[in-house]
């Protein structure tokens, strides 16, 4: 009876949805490396099939492990992930300017991917044992250290995309652990101030003239709204002062940093905002990605008939820009179908938290689903030219062994939490 109950508690909708996305991904990797003259290049799709088979085995293994194991050894696993990051910096091999690969036997792996798992487990363990509140800033000391250490090590490699994921994944965990929505807004407000302060500086340099007072209006409006929100919330004086200082500091520091940057460094930043200004350099990937997706129209050009991918106009098309390959070959209909599958998987994950009373398991599900959702949002936005290109793969569809196994672990943790309830 016990085994039967465990079988019933295995969440097949999540498993089958993930498997469907993996199958779509294999076909996309095949088409991304296919040419009529040579067929699929390098056999990457065969490697991806092997990774998916390994991923399924990992999911089954993790589901069969008692749930208390992950809670008991959360900090140990986090420490191992930090050691792996240190090894990557010390002895790791470089790939496209980033020291983020270490060899284990005949397999090259990305420690930064597994750092997501380590951080998730450590944060879930800490937040399941401790209450956090902006009223007591001391409750954020440990979480700040848990996030800050891997964040800085990943940034050192450098891997800005993964570092962004490590920072972003903590926000939904904090909210689920007890922070109010307005407290979460106060927490992320300095990042908004940084962006709003940077935009007029970028625009002034790009246009060759100072846009003057008008450039400060967006940040000024945001700052006034922030003051109004703080006044309405009536938080502790320490929180009020801290949020104000953090926003003023980020708005000021970005101005100082901008003045220090050289002109060629500023141009790299501008190319993120306006790719056409460096169409054959930093903006090339985004331009080709938008061309590929746009050329697919409603139904696409058909499988293996994408000209952008076949002629290799689209860089990193089997990894970071696999969504562009999908859009070119299957159009808006194909992209919508895949997005719906992602939405179902994410929504199903959050739905499972309603039936799980264990706080640690609940946080594991929220964190795992959030990591997947963040990757989907960043990658598709990047492919559509709505965000800078920072090297974030699309879950289940992008080629890559480390990322595929990371997804398997995340799914295993979700299904394990469901089964252990």
Foldseek 3Di string as FASTA:
>chain_A
DLVVLLVVLQDVLLVVLLVVLLVQQLLLLQLLQQAPVPHRPPPLSVVSVVLLVVLVVLLVVLLPDFLVVLLVCLQVLLVVLLVLLVCQVVPADDDPQFSAWDDDPNDIAGSLLSNLVSLLSVLLNLLLVDADDPLDCVSCPVVCVSLVSSLVSCCVSPFPVSSVLSVVLVLLLNVLSPYDPVRSCLVCVLVVLLVLLVVQVLVCVVVVHRPPPVSCVVSVVVLVVNLVSCVVVVHPPVSSVVSNVSSVVSSVVSVVVSVVDDPVVSVLVSCLVPVVVVCPPQSVQLVLLQVLLVQLAAAAPARSPRPCSNVVSHPLCQWLRSLSSQNRHGNPVSSVVSVVSLVVSLVVLLVLLVVFPRSSLSSLSSSLSSSLVVLQVVSVCCSNSNGGDRRRTHPSNHRDNNNSNSNSVSSSSSSSSSSND
